[in-house]
Amino acid sequence: LGITILNRTTRRVVQTDEGRQFIEAVRVGLSQI
């Protein structure tokens, strides 16, 4: 995709703004399939 979806730290992962939008779309799409 050419984007960073998740920012990694030693304790957790945080969604980027672009990642959050992509993940929401993926969640809906996979659920429909």
Full PDB file with SEQRES, HELIX, SHEET, SSBOND, CRYST1, ORIGX, SCALE, CONECT and MASTER records, all heavy atoms in Angstrom:
SEQRES   1 A   33  LEU GLY ILE THR ILE LEU ASN ARG THR THR ARG ARG VAL          
SEQRES   2 A   33  VAL GLN THR ASP GLU GLY ARG GLN PHE ILE GLU ALA VAL          
SEQRES   3 A   33  ARG VAL GLY LEU SER GLN ILE                                  
HELIX    1 AA1 ASP A   17  GLN A   32  1                                  16    
SHEET    1 AA1 2 LEU A   6  ARG A   8  0                                        
SHEET    2 AA1 2 VAL A  13  GLN A  15 -1                                        
CRYST1    1.000    1.000    1.000  90.00  90.00  90.00 P 1           1          
ORIGX1      1.000000  0.000000  0.000000        0.00000                         
ORIGX2      0.000000  1.000000  0.000000        0.00000                         
ORIGX3      0.000000  0.000000  1.000000        0.00000                         
SCALE1      1.000000  0.000000  0.000000        0.00000                         
SCALE2      0.000000  1.000000  0.000000        0.00000                         
SCALE3      0.000000  0.000000  1.000000        0.00000                         
ATOM      1  N   LEU A   1       0.812  -1.216   0.000  1.00  0.00           N  
ATOM      2  CA  LEU A   1       0.000   0.000   0.000  1.00  0.00           C  
ATOM      3  C   LEU A   1       0.844   1.264   0.000  1.00  0.00           C  
ATOM      4  O   LEU A   1       0.365   2.347  -0.349  1.00  0.00           O  
ATOM      5  CB  LEU A   1      -0.927   0.015   1.221  1.00  0.00           C  
ATOM      6  CG  LEU A   1      -2.019  -1.055   1.274  1.00  0.00           C  
ATOM      7  CD1 LEU A   1      -2.799  -0.936   2.569  1.00  0.00           C  
ATOM      8  CD2 LEU A   1      -2.957  -0.945   0.075  1.00  0.00           C  
ATOM      9  N   GLY A   2       2.089   1.150   0.438  1.00  0.00           N  
ATOM     10  CA  GLY A   2       2.972   2.306   0.488  1.00  0.00           C  
ATOM     11  C   GLY A   2       2.660   3.250   1.634  1.00  0.00           C  
ATOM     12  O   GLY A   2       2.948   4.452   1.544  1.00  0.00           O  
ATOM     13  N   ILE A   3       2.075   2.727   2.703  1.00  0.00           N  
ATOM     14  CA  ILE A   3       1.758   3.546   3.877  1.00  0.00           C  
ATOM     15  C   ILE A   3       2.139   2.787   5.145  1.00  0.00           C  
ATOM     16  O   ILE A   3       2.335   1.572   5.119  1.00  0.00           O  
ATOM     17  CB  ILE A   3       0.264   3.920   3.959  1.00  0.00           C  
ATOM     18  CG1 ILE A   3      -0.588   2.644   4.144  1.00  0.00           C  
ATOM     19  CG2 ILE A   3      -0.186   4.712   2.753  1.00  0.00           C  
ATOM     20  CD1 ILE A   3      -2.050   2.913   4.473  1.00  0.00           C  
ATOM     21  N   THR A   4       2.257   3.543   6.239  1.00  0.00           N  
ATOM     22  CA  THR A   4       2.425   2.918   7.546  1.00  0.00           C  
ATOM     23  C   THR A   4       1.054   2.764   8.174  1.00  0.00           C  
ATOM     24  O   THR A   4       0.335   3.742   8.370  1.00  0.00           O  
ATOM     25  CB  THR A   4       3.328   3.777   8.456  1.00  0.00           C  
ATOM     26  OG1 THR A   4       4.611   3.896   7.849  1.00  0.00           O  
ATOM     27  CG2 THR A   4       3.467   3.137   9.832  1.00  0.00           C  
ATOM     28  N   ILE A   5       0.690   1.530   8.486  1.00  0.00           N  
ATOM     29  CA  ILE A   5      -0.621   1.257   9.079  1.00  0.00           C  
ATOM     30  C   ILE A   5      -0.541   1.291  10.589  1.00  0.00           C  
ATOM     31  O   ILE A   5      -1.426   1.828  11.259  1.00  0.00           O  
ATOM     32  CB  ILE A   5      -1.149  -0.108   8.606  1.00  0.00           C  
ATOM     33  CG1 ILE A   5      -1.357  -0.079   7.093  1.00  0.00           C  
ATOM     34  CG2 ILE A   5      -2.455  -0.462   9.313  1.00  0.00           C  
ATOM     35  CD1 ILE A   5      -1.776  -1.419   6.519  1.00  0.00           C  
ATOM     36  N   LEU A   6       0.555   0.725  11.140  1.00  0.00           N  
ATOM     37  CA  LEU A   6       0.709   0.627  12.581  1.00  0.00           C  
ATOM     38  C   LEU A   6       2.056   1.197  13.009  1.00  0.00           C  
ATOM     39  O   LEU A   6       3.092   0.855  12.425  1.00  0.00           O  
ATOM     40  CB  LEU A   6       0.616  -0.829  13.041  1.00  0.00           C  
ATOM     41  CG  LEU A   6      -0.674  -1.588  12.738  1.00  0.00           C  
ATOM     42  CD1 LEU A   6      -0.531  -3.049  13.119  1.00  0.00           C  
ATOM     43  CD2 LEU A   6      -1.859  -0.960  13.463  1.00  0.00           C  
ATOM     44  N   ASN A   7       2.041   2.053  13.994  1.00  0.00           N  
ATOM     45  CA  ASN A   7       3.280   2.495  14.630  1.00  0.00           C  
ATOM     46  C   ASN A   7       3.574   1.551  15.780  1.00  0.00           C  
ATOM     47  O   ASN A   7       2.742   1.359  16.668  1.00  0.00           O  
ATOM     48  CB  ASN A   7       3.138   3.931  15.152  1.00  0.00           C  
ATOM     49  CG  ASN A   7       3.146   4.943  14.024  1.00  0.00           C  
ATOM     50  OD1 ASN A   7       3.865   4.774  13.042  1.00  0.00           O  
ATOM     51  ND2 ASN A   7       2.357   6.002  14.156  1.00  0.00           N  
ATOM     52  N   ARG A   8       4.762   0.931  15.781  1.00  0.00           N  
ATOM     53  CA  ARG A   8       5.109  -0.040  16.799  1.00  0.00           C  
ATOM     54  C   ARG A   8       5.917   0.618  17.899  1.00  0.00           C  
ATOM     55  O   ARG A   8       6.826   1.411  17.622  1.00  0.00           O  
ATOM     56  CB  ARG A   8       5.946  -1.190  16.221  1.00  0.00           C  
ATOM     57  CG  ARG A   8       5.227  -2.143  15.282  1.00  0.00           C  
ATOM     58  CD  ARG A   8       5.117  -1.621  13.894  1.00  0.00           C  
ATOM     59  NE  ARG A   8       5.027  -2.699  12.898  1.00  0.00           N  
ATOM     60  CZ  ARG A   8       4.662  -2.483  11.649  1.00  0.00           C  
ATOM     61  NH1 ARG A   8       4.343  -1.262  11.241  1.00  0.00           N  
ATOM     62  NH2 ARG A   8       4.621  -3.491  10.801  1.00  0.00           N  
ATOM     63  N   THR A   9       5.598   0.272  19.132  1.00  0.00           N  
ATOM     64  CA  THR A   9       6.437   0.637  20.268  1.00  0.00           C  
ATOM     65  C   THR A   9       6.757  -0.666  21.004  1.00  0.00           C  
ATOM     66  O   THR A   9       6.280  -1.734  20.629  1.00  0.00           O  
ATOM     67  CB  THR A   9       5.719   1.612  21.227  1.00  0.00           C  
ATOM     68  OG1 THR A   9       4.652   0.918  21.892  1.00  0.00           O  
ATOM     69  CG2 THR A   9       5.159   2.798  20.473  1.00  0.00           C  
ATOM     70  N   THR A  10       7.555  -0.572  22.020  1.00  0.00           N  
ATOM     71  CA  THR A  10       7.926  -1.783  22.766  1.00  0.00           C  
ATOM     72  C   THR A  10       6.737  -2.349  23.541  1.00  0.00           C  
ATOM     73  O   THR A  10       6.740  -3.525  23.895  1.00  0.00           O  
ATOM     74  CB  THR A  10       9.065  -1.484  23.754  1.00  0.00           C  
ATOM     75  OG1 THR A  10       8.666  -0.409  24.608  1.00  0.00           O  
ATOM     76  CG2 THR A  10      10.330  -1.108  23.006  1.00  0.00           C  
ATOM     77  N   ARG A  11       5.718  -1.531  23.791  1.00  0.00           N  
ATOM     78  CA  ARG A  11       4.608  -1.980  24.630  1.00  0.00           C  
ATOM     79  C   ARG A  11       3.308  -2.185  23.864  1.00  0.00           C  
ATOM     80  O   ARG A  11       2.461  -2.960  24.274  1.00  0.00           O  
ATOM     81  CB  ARG A  11       4.362  -0.975  25.762  1.00  0.00           C  
ATOM     82  CG  ARG A  11       5.563  -0.804  26.681  1.00  0.00           C  
ATOM     83  CD  ARG A  11       5.278   0.167  27.807  1.00  0.00           C  
ATOM     84  NE  ARG A  11       4.184  -0.288  28.647  1.00  0.00           N  
ATOM     85  CZ  ARG A  11       3.683   0.415  29.657  1.00  0.00           C  
ATOM     86  NH1 ARG A  11       4.185   1.604  29.944  1.00  0.00           N  
ATOM     87  NH2 ARG A  11       2.700  -0.074  30.384  1.00  0.00           N  
ATOM     88  N   ARG A  12       3.110  -1.491  22.743  1.00  0.00           N  
ATOM     89  CA  ARG A  12       1.838  -1.595  22.046  1.00  0.00           C  
ATOM     90  C   ARG A  12       1.952  -1.125  20.614  1.00  0.00           C  
ATOM     91  O   ARG A  12       3.001  -0.621  20.191  1.00  0.00           O  
ATOM     92  CB  ARG A  12       0.766  -0.770  22.762  1.00  0.00           C  
ATOM     93  CG  ARG A  12       1.085   0.705  22.817  1.00  0.00           C  
ATOM     94  CD  ARG A  12       0.021   1.472  23.571  1.00  0.00           C  
ATOM     95  NE  ARG A  12       0.280   2.905  23.581  1.00  0.00           N  
ATOM     96  CZ  ARG A  12      -0.647   3.837  23.407  1.00  0.00           C  
ATOM     97  NH1 ARG A  12      -1.888   3.479  23.183  1.00  0.00           N  
ATOM     98  NH2 ARG A  12      -0.340   5.116  23.444  1.00  0.00           N  
ATOM     99  N   VAL A  13       0.885  -1.323  19.849  1.00  0.00           N  
ATOM    100  CA  VAL A  13       0.816  -0.814  18.488  1.00  0.00           C  
ATOM    101  C   VAL A  13      -0.281   0.240  18.418  1.00  0.00           C  
ATOM    102  O   VAL A  13      -1.307   0.128  19.094  1.00  0.00           O  
ATOM    103  CB  VAL A  13       0.536  -1.946  17.478  1.00  0.00           C  
ATOM    104  CG1 VAL A  13       1.699  -2.917  17.423  1.00  0.00           C  
ATOM    105  CG2 VAL A  13      -0.758  -2.666  17.805  1.00  0.00           C  
ATOM    106  N   VAL A  14      -0.041   1.285  17.627  1.00  0.00           N  
ATOM    107  CA  VAL A  14      -0.988   2.386  17.492  1.00  0.00           C  
ATOM    108  C   VAL A  14      -1.289   2.583  16.013  1.00  0.00           C  
ATOM    109  O   VAL A  14      -0.368   2.647  15.187  1.00  0.00           O  
ATOM    110  CB  VAL A  14      -0.428   3.688  18.094  1.00  0.00           C  
ATOM    111  CG1 VAL A  14      -1.431   4.829  17.929  1.00  0.00           C  
ATOM    112  CG2 VAL A  14      -0.077   3.488  19.563  1.00  0.00           C  
ATOM    113  N   GLN A  15      -2.554   2.690  15.676  1.00  0.00           N  
ATOM    114  CA  GLN A  15      -2.938   2.887  14.285  1.00  0.00           C  
ATOM    115  C   GLN A  15      -2.631   4.320  13.841  1.00  0.00           C  
ATOM    116  O   GLN A  15      -2.884   5.273  14.580  1.00  0.00           O  
ATOM    117  CB  GLN A  15      -4.432   2.629  14.113  1.00  0.00           C  
ATOM    118  CG  GLN A  15      -4.897   1.247  14.491  1.00  0.00           C  
ATOM    119  CD  GLN A  15      -6.401   1.117  14.426  1.00  0.00           C  
ATOM    120  OE1 GLN A  15      -7.030   1.516  13.451  1.00  0.00           O  
ATOM    121  NE2 GLN A  15      -6.990   0.555  15.471  1.00  0.00           N  
ATOM    122  N   THR A  16      -2.105   4.464  12.649  1.00  0.00           N  
ATOM    123  CA  THR A  16      -1.965   5.782  12.045  1.00  0.00           C  
ATOM    124  C   THR A  16      -3.333   6.210  11.519  1.00  0.00           C  
ATOM    125  O   THR A  16      -4.269   5.408  11.431  1.00  0.00           O  
ATOM    126  CB  THR A  16      -0.962   5.751  10.890  1.00  0.00           C  
ATOM    127  OG1 THR A  16      -1.469   4.889   9.851  1.00  0.00           O  
ATOM    128  CG2 THR A  16       0.400   5.233  11.359  1.00  0.00           C  
ATOM    129  N   ASP A  17      -3.466   7.479  11.126  1.00  0.00           N  
ATOM    130  CA  ASP A  17      -4.735   7.955  10.576  1.00  0.00           C  
ATOM    131  C   ASP A  17      -5.095   7.193   9.310  1.00  0.00           C  
ATOM    132  O   ASP A  17      -6.250   6.777   9.120  1.00  0.00           O  
ATOM    133  CB  ASP A  17      -4.658   9.455  10.286  1.00  0.00           C  
ATOM    134  CG  ASP A  17      -4.606  10.281  11.567  1.00  0.00           C  
ATOM    135  OD1 ASP A  17      -5.019   9.751  12.625  1.00  0.00           O  
ATOM    136  OD2 ASP A  17      -4.149  11.435  11.512  1.00  0.00           O  
ATOM    137  N   GLU A  18      -4.103   7.012   8.424  1.00  0.00           N  
ATOM    138  CA  GLU A  18      -4.356   6.255   7.195  1.00  0.00           C  
ATOM    139  C   GLU A  18      -4.685   4.808   7.514  1.00  0.00           C  
ATOM    140  O   GLU A  18      -5.558   4.190   6.898  1.00  0.00           O  
ATOM    141  CB  GLU A  18      -3.135   6.317   6.265  1.00  0.00           C  
ATOM    142  CG  GLU A  18      -2.797   7.691   5.746  1.00  0.00           C  
ATOM    143  CD  GLU A  18      -1.874   8.444   6.698  1.00  0.00           C  
ATOM    144  OE1 GLU A  18      -1.657   7.962   7.843  1.00  0.00           O  
ATOM    145  OE2 GLU A  18      -1.374   9.508   6.289  1.00  0.00           O  
ATOM    146  N   GLY A  19      -3.956   4.253   8.507  1.00  0.00           N  
ATOM    147  CA  GLY A  19      -4.188   2.875   8.897  1.00  0.00           C  
ATOM    148  C   GLY A  19      -5.570   2.662   9.462  1.00  0.00           C  
ATOM    149  O   GLY A  19      -6.238   1.662   9.170  1.00  0.00           O  
ATOM    150  N   ARG A  20      -6.033   3.607  10.261  1.00  0.00           N  
ATOM    151  CA  ARG A  20      -7.360   3.476  10.878  1.00  0.00           C  
ATOM    152  C   ARG A  20      -8.445   3.439   9.804  1.00  0.00           C  
ATOM    153  O   ARG A  20      -9.372   2.618   9.868  1.00  0.00           O  
ATOM    154  CB  ARG A  20      -7.595   4.635  11.838  1.00  0.00           C  
ATOM    155  CG  ARG A  20      -8.898   4.521  12.632  1.00  0.00           C  
ATOM    156  CD  ARG A  20      -9.033   5.627  13.659  1.00  0.00           C  
ATOM    157  NE  ARG A  20      -8.017   5.530  14.692  1.00  0.00           N  
ATOM    158  CZ  ARG A  20      -6.931   6.310  14.778  1.00  0.00           C  
ATOM    159  NH1 ARG A  20      -6.743   7.268  13.858  1.00  0.00           N  
ATOM    160  NH2 ARG A  20      -6.057   6.146  15.738  1.00  0.00           N  
ATOM    161  N   GLN A  21      -8.323   4.299   8.825  1.00  0.00           N  
ATOM    162  CA  GLN A  21      -9.306   4.335   7.743  1.00  0.00           C  
ATOM    163  C   GLN A  21      -9.290   3.019   6.951  1.00  0.00           C  
ATOM    164  O   GLN A  21     -10.342   2.463   6.621  1.00  0.00           O  
ATOM    165  CB  GLN A  21      -9.007   5.517   6.810  1.00  0.00           C  
ATOM    166  CG  GLN A  21     -10.008   5.683   5.675  1.00  0.00           C  
ATOM    167  CD  GLN A  21      -9.683   6.895   4.809  1.00  0.00           C  
ATOM    168  OE1 GLN A  21      -8.725   7.626   5.069  1.00  0.00           O  
ATOM    169  NE2 GLN A  21     -10.469   7.103   3.773  1.00  0.00           N  
ATOM    170  N   PHE A  22      -8.099   2.527   6.661  1.00  0.00           N  
ATOM    171  CA  PHE A  22      -7.964   1.277   5.905  1.00  0.00           C  
ATOM    172  C   PHE A  22      -8.516   0.097   6.707  1.00  0.00           C  
ATOM    173  O   PHE A  22      -9.249  -0.749   6.176  1.00  0.00           O  
ATOM    174  CB  PHE A  22      -6.490   1.044   5.556  1.00  0.00           C  
ATOM    175  CG  PHE A  22      -6.230  -0.256   4.845  1.00  0.00           C  
ATOM    176  CD1 PHE A  22      -6.639  -0.440   3.534  1.00  0.00           C  
ATOM    177  CD2 PHE A  22      -5.585  -1.301   5.495  1.00  0.00           C  
ATOM    178  CE1 PHE A  22      -6.411  -1.644   2.867  1.00  0.00           C  
ATOM    179  CE2 PHE A  22      -5.348  -2.502   4.847  1.00  0.00           C  
ATOM    180  CZ  PHE A  22      -5.759  -2.669   3.530  1.00  0.00           C  
ATOM    181  N   ILE A  23      -8.203   0.045   7.995  1.00  0.00           N  
ATOM    182  CA  ILE A  23      -8.641  -1.073   8.839  1.00  0.00           C  
ATOM    183  C   ILE A  23     -10.156  -1.106   8.969  1.00  0.00           C  
ATOM    184  O   ILE A  23     -10.770  -2.178   8.929  1.00  0.00           O  
ATOM    185  CB  ILE A  23      -7.964  -0.975  10.225  1.00  0.00           C  
ATOM    186  CG1 ILE A  23      -6.478  -1.343  10.093  1.00  0.00           C  
ATOM    187  CG2 ILE A  23      -8.645  -1.883  11.243  1.00  0.00           C  
ATOM    188  CD1 ILE A  23      -5.640  -0.959  11.271  1.00  0.00           C  
ATOM    189  N   GLU A  24     -10.790   0.052   9.098  1.00  0.00           N  
ATOM    190  CA  GLU A  24     -12.249   0.091   9.184  1.00  0.00           C  
ATOM    191  C   GLU A  24     -12.877  -0.460   7.913  1.00  0.00           C  
ATOM    192  O   GLU A  24     -13.860  -1.216   7.963  1.00  0.00           O  
ATOM    193  CB  GLU A  24     -12.720   1.529   9.432  1.00  0.00           C  
ATOM    194  CG  GLU A  24     -12.405   2.044  10.831  1.00  0.00           C  
ATOM    195  CD  GLU A  24     -12.792   3.501  11.014  1.00  0.00           C  
ATOM    196  OE1 GLU A  24     -13.267   4.111  10.030  1.00  0.00           O  
ATOM    197  OE2 GLU A  24     -12.618   4.029  12.125  1.00  0.00           O  
ATOM    198  N   ALA A  25     -12.303  -0.099   6.750  1.00  0.00           N  
ATOM    199  CA  ALA A  25     -12.825  -0.589   5.479  1.00  0.00           C  
ATOM    200  C   ALA A  25     -12.604  -2.092   5.344  1.00  0.00           C  
ATOM    201  O   ALA A  25     -13.476  -2.823   4.861  1.00  0.00           O  
ATOM    202  CB  ALA A  25     -12.166   0.153   4.318  1.00  0.00           C  
ATOM    203  N   VAL A  26     -11.429  -2.555   5.781  1.00  0.00           N  
ATOM    204  CA  VAL A  26     -11.125  -3.991   5.721  1.00  0.00           C  
ATOM    205  C   VAL A  26     -12.090  -4.772   6.605  1.00  0.00           C  
ATOM    206  O   VAL A  26     -12.600  -5.829   6.217  1.00  0.00           O  
ATOM    207  CB  VAL A  26      -9.666  -4.256   6.156  1.00  0.00           C  
ATOM    208  CG1 VAL A  26      -9.438  -5.740   6.412  1.00  0.00           C  
ATOM    209  CG2 VAL A  26      -8.696  -3.753   5.096  1.00  0.00           C  
ATOM    210  N   ARG A  27     -12.360  -4.253   7.791  1.00  0.00           N  
ATOM    211  CA  ARG A  27     -13.244  -4.954   8.715  1.00  0.00           C  
ATOM    212  C   ARG A  27     -14.638  -5.141   8.107  1.00  0.00           C  
ATOM    213  O   ARG A  27     -15.229  -6.224   8.170  1.00  0.00           O  
ATOM    214  CB  ARG A  27     -13.343  -4.190  10.031  1.00  0.00           C  
ATOM    215  CG  ARG A  27     -13.991  -4.992  11.148  1.00  0.00           C  
ATOM    216  CD  ARG A  27     -14.139  -4.171  12.414  1.00  0.00           C  
ATOM    217  NE  ARG A  27     -12.882  -3.683  12.943  1.00  0.00           N  
ATOM    218  CZ  ARG A  27     -12.038  -4.429  13.647  1.00  0.00           C  
ATOM    219  NH1 ARG A  27     -12.310  -5.694  13.884  1.00  0.00           N  
ATOM    220  NH2 ARG A  27     -10.915  -3.905  14.114  1.00  0.00           N  
ATOM    221  N   VAL A  28     -15.150  -4.083   7.501  1.00  0.00           N  
ATOM    222  CA  VAL A  28     -16.467  -4.167   6.877  1.00  0.00           C  
ATOM    223  C   VAL A  28     -16.443  -5.125   5.697  1.00  0.00           C  
ATOM    224  O   VAL A  28     -17.325  -5.982   5.535  1.00  0.00           O  
ATOM    225  CB  VAL A  28     -16.947  -2.766   6.430  1.00  0.00           C  
ATOM    226  CG1 VAL A  28     -18.222  -2.874   5.602  1.00  0.00           C  
ATOM    227  CG2 VAL A  28     -17.174  -1.867   7.636  1.00  0.00           C  
ATOM    228  N   GLY A  29     -15.412  -4.998   4.863  1.00  0.00           N  
ATOM    229  CA  GLY A  29     -15.327  -5.833   3.664  1.00  0.00           C  
ATOM    230  C   GLY A  29     -15.210  -7.315   3.988  1.00  0.00           C  
ATOM    231  O   GLY A  29     -15.917  -8.141   3.410  1.00  0.00           O  
ATOM    232  N   LEU A  30     -14.327  -7.661   4.910  1.00  0.00           N  
ATOM    233  CA  LEU A  30     -14.160  -9.069   5.281  1.00  0.00           C  
ATOM    234  C   LEU A  30     -15.418  -9.628   5.925  1.00  0.00           C  
ATOM    235  O   LEU A  30     -15.790 -10.790   5.681  1.00  0.00           O  
ATOM    236  CB  LEU A  30     -12.974  -9.230   6.231  1.00  0.00           C  
ATOM    237  CG  LEU A  30     -11.577  -9.102   5.621  1.00  0.00           C  
ATOM    238  CD1 LEU A  30     -10.516  -9.271   6.698  1.00  0.00           C  
ATOM    239  CD2 LEU A  30     -11.370 -10.119   4.509  1.00  0.00           C  
ATOM    240  N   SER A  31     -16.089  -8.818   6.746  1.00  0.00           N  
ATOM    241  CA  SER A  31     -17.320  -9.279   7.376  1.00  0.00           C  
ATOM    242  C   SER A  31     -18.390  -9.578   6.330  1.00  0.00           C  
ATOM    243  O   SER A  31     -19.124 -10.570   6.437  1.00  0.00           O  
ATOM    244  CB  SER A  31     -17.837  -8.228   8.361  1.00  0.00           C  
ATOM    245  OG  SER A  31     -16.964  -8.090   9.453  1.00  0.00           O  
ATOM    246  N   GLN A  32     -18.476  -8.731   5.314  1.00  0.00           N  
ATOM    247  CA  GLN A  32     -19.467  -8.958   4.261  1.00  0.00           C  
ATOM    248  C   GLN A  32     -19.150 -10.219   3.474  1.00  0.00           C  
ATOM    249  O   GLN A  32     -20.053 -10.993   3.124  1.00  0.00           O  
ATOM    250  CB  GLN A  32     -19.521  -7.739   3.335  1.00  0.00           C  
ATOM    251  CG  GLN A  32     -20.139  -6.511   3.997  1.00  0.00           C  
ATOM    252  CD  GLN A  32     -20.073  -5.273   3.124  1.00  0.00           C  
ATOM    253  OE1 GLN A  32     -19.282  -5.192   2.188  1.00  0.00           O  
ATOM    254  NE2 GLN A  32     -20.912  -4.301   3.430  1.00  0.00           N  
ATOM    255  N   ILE A  33     -17.859 -10.447   3.185  1.00  0.00           N  
ATOM    256  CA  ILE A  33     -17.464 -11.663   2.472  1.00  0.00           C  
ATOM    257  C   ILE A  33     -17.765 -12.901   3.309  1.00  0.00           C  
ATOM    258  O   ILE A  33     -18.332 -13.882   2.820  1.00  0.00           O  
ATOM    259  CB  ILE A  33     -15.960 -11.611   2.117  1.00  0.00           C  
ATOM    260  CG1 ILE A  33     -15.700 -10.515   1.080  1.00  0.00           C  
ATOM    261  CG2 ILE A  33     -15.480 -12.959   1.585  1.00  0.00           C  
ATOM    262  CD1 ILE A  33     -14.230 -10.243   0.843  1.00  0.00           C  
TER     263      ILE A  33                                                      
MASTER        0    0    0    1    2    0    0    6  262    1    0    3          
END                                                                             
